[in-house]
Structure formats: structure tokens, C-alpha cells
Amino acid sequence: MKQFLLAITTLGMALSAQAVERDRVSAKISYTKQQLQSEDGANQVLTNLQIKILEACRGENDYRTKLKGHVDRECFDPMLANAISKIDAPNLTAVYHQRIEASAQRGSIAF
């Protein structure tokens, strides 16, 4: 079983009292082509992507990490969309869009 490793990066925001700085954040995830061939496998890859990106977007020194349930949307959303685009797998793209639609109907985030 061949493993693929995806490294994704985006600019995240680090807030300080003085100014807003943009820091590059990155996450790595491994997956197999076999996982992407089924909806269940694609769901698993998407969940792993979301967890890794969420962790990457929560900086150690960010006061918001202490807020339960906070997601830095300016970091998380583009980074996840970029990862989905780079992987370019129809099943993964489909489950990604399904989650976005479901969360929009619930009025919550796609996680």
C-alpha cells in the first residue's frame, strides 16, 4: 500500500496588541490512493485533514486556542480548500462539498 504525504501551507494570523502579523502555518497528512477510491475512505481522509489543519491553525501563543470550539476561519477554510484541490480526488471533493452543504443548512462550520 503506497502512502502519499501532503504538506499544505497557508498564511495564518497571529494577533498581538501592537499589530496583526501573518505567519505561515503548515500541516502534513498521509493517505493512500485506496482510501480515496471509496466514500468511506474519503470521509476518513477529510476528517484527518480537518483535524491536522485545525491543529495547525491554532498557534501555541494564540489566546483564542483557549476558547472552546474556536476555529480561525481565515486560516482553516483556505487551507482546507487548498488541500482538497491539491489532492484532486473526486470522492474527496464530493464529501467535502457534502459537508459544506450540510453545515450551511445547520448554520455551523463544516467540521
Protein backbone atom coordinates (compact mmCIF):
# COMPACT_ATOMS: atom_id res chain seq x y z
CA MET A 1 0.00 0.00 0.00
CA LYS A 2 1.60 3.21 -1.16
CA GLN A 3 1.29 6.18 1.21
CA PHE A 4 1.08 9.74 -0.04
CA LEU A 5 2.12 12.70 2.04
CA LEU A 6 0.55 16.08 1.52
CA ALA A 7 2.11 19.16 3.03
CA ILE A 8 -0.16 22.16 2.95
CA THR A 9 0.58 25.69 3.99
CA THR A 10 -1.26 28.93 4.29
CA LEU A 11 -0.82 32.26 5.95
CA GLY A 12 -2.39 32.36 9.39
CA MET A 13 -2.92 35.35 11.58
CA ALA A 14 -1.05 35.91 14.79
CA LEU A 15 -2.61 38.74 16.75
CA SER A 16 -0.67 40.95 19.07
CA ALA A 17 -1.51 44.16 20.90
CA GLN A 18 0.73 46.08 18.51
CA ALA A 19 -0.16 44.76 15.06
CA VAL A 20 -1.53 41.91 13.03
CA GLU A 21 1.13 39.64 11.59
CA ARG A 22 0.70 36.82 9.13
CA ASP A 23 2.56 33.61 9.87
CA ARG A 24 2.93 30.66 7.56
CA VAL A 25 1.32 27.56 9.02
CA SER A 26 1.59 24.05 7.66
CA ALA A 27 0.19 20.59 8.20
CA LYS A 28 1.13 17.15 6.92
CA ILE A 29 -1.24 14.27 6.30
CA SER A 30 -0.68 10.87 4.81
CA TYR A 31 -3.27 8.89 2.88
CA THR A 32 -3.45 6.15 0.28
CA LYS A 33 -4.99 6.16 -3.18
CA GLN A 34 -7.09 3.25 -2.00
CA GLN A 35 -8.69 5.40 0.70
CA LEU A 36 -9.71 7.96 -1.90
CA GLN A 37 -11.47 5.35 -4.04
CA SER A 38 -14.39 4.96 -1.64
CA GLU A 39 -16.70 7.44 0.06
CA ASP A 40 -15.89 5.99 3.50
CA GLY A 41 -12.15 6.32 2.85
CA ALA A 42 -12.56 9.85 1.51
CA ASN A 43 -14.55 10.76 4.65
CA GLN A 44 -11.71 9.42 6.78
CA VAL A 45 -9.11 11.42 4.82
CA LEU A 46 -11.25 14.56 5.08
CA THR A 47 -11.67 14.15 8.84
CA ASN A 48 -7.90 13.68 9.23
CA LEU A 49 -7.28 16.77 7.07
CA GLN A 50 -9.65 18.84 9.17
CA ILE A 51 -8.03 17.74 12.42
CA LYS A 52 -4.49 18.43 11.19
CA ILE A 53 -5.44 21.82 9.73
CA LEU A 54 -7.33 22.78 12.86
CA GLU A 55 -4.24 21.97 14.92
CA ALA A 56 -2.01 23.94 12.53
CA CYS A 57 -4.28 26.98 12.61
CA ARG A 58 -4.25 27.06 16.41
CA GLY A 59 -0.94 28.62 17.33
CA GLU A 60 0.62 27.86 20.69
CA ASN A 61 0.67 31.52 21.63
CA ASP A 62 -2.77 32.35 20.30
CA TYR A 63 -5.12 33.33 23.12
CA ARG A 64 -8.04 32.05 21.04
CA THR A 65 -6.83 28.44 21.37
CA LYS A 66 -8.05 28.61 24.93
CA LEU A 67 -11.56 29.42 23.72
CA LYS A 68 -13.50 26.19 23.44
CA GLY A 69 -14.59 25.50 19.89
CA HIS A 70 -12.83 28.48 18.32
CA VAL A 71 -11.77 27.96 14.72
CA ASP A 72 -9.67 30.55 12.90
CA ARG A 73 -11.76 30.59 9.72
CA GLU A 74 -9.26 32.85 7.89
CA CYS A 75 -6.67 30.10 8.31
CA PHE A 76 -8.78 26.93 8.30
CA ASP A 77 -11.08 27.47 5.30
CA PRO A 78 -8.48 28.38 2.64
CA MET A 79 -6.04 25.76 3.91
CA LEU A 80 -8.68 23.01 3.69
CA ALA A 81 -9.83 24.15 0.23
CA ASN A 82 -6.20 24.21 -0.93
CA ALA A 83 -5.62 20.67 0.35
CA ILE A 84 -8.76 19.35 -1.37
CA SER A 85 -7.66 21.00 -4.59
CA LYS A 86 -4.11 19.60 -4.38
CA ILE A 87 -5.26 16.05 -3.68
CA ASP A 88 -7.69 16.30 -6.62
CA ALA A 89 -9.72 13.14 -5.90
CA PRO A 90 -13.38 13.06 -6.98
CA ASN A 91 -14.62 11.20 -3.87
CA LEU A 92 -12.79 13.56 -1.53
CA THR A 93 -14.10 16.62 -3.37
CA ALA A 94 -17.63 15.20 -3.22
CA VAL A 95 -17.60 14.53 0.54
CA TYR A 96 -16.02 17.95 1.13
CA HIS A 97 -18.89 19.65 -0.72
CA GLN A 98 -21.46 17.46 1.06
CA ARG A 99 -20.11 18.58 4.43
CA ILE A 100 -20.13 22.24 3.38
CA GLU A 101 -23.77 21.96 2.26
CA ALA A 102 -24.79 20.10 5.42
CA SER A 103 -23.08 22.64 7.67
CA ALA A 104 -24.67 25.55 5.78
CA GLN A 105 -28.10 24.01 6.39
CA ARG A 106 -27.28 23.56 10.10
CA GLY A 107 -25.71 27.00 10.34
CA SER A 108 -22.44 25.59 11.66
CA ILE A 109 -18.91 25.00 10.43
CA ALA A 110 -18.03 22.10 8.14
CA PHE A 111 -16.28 20.05 10.79
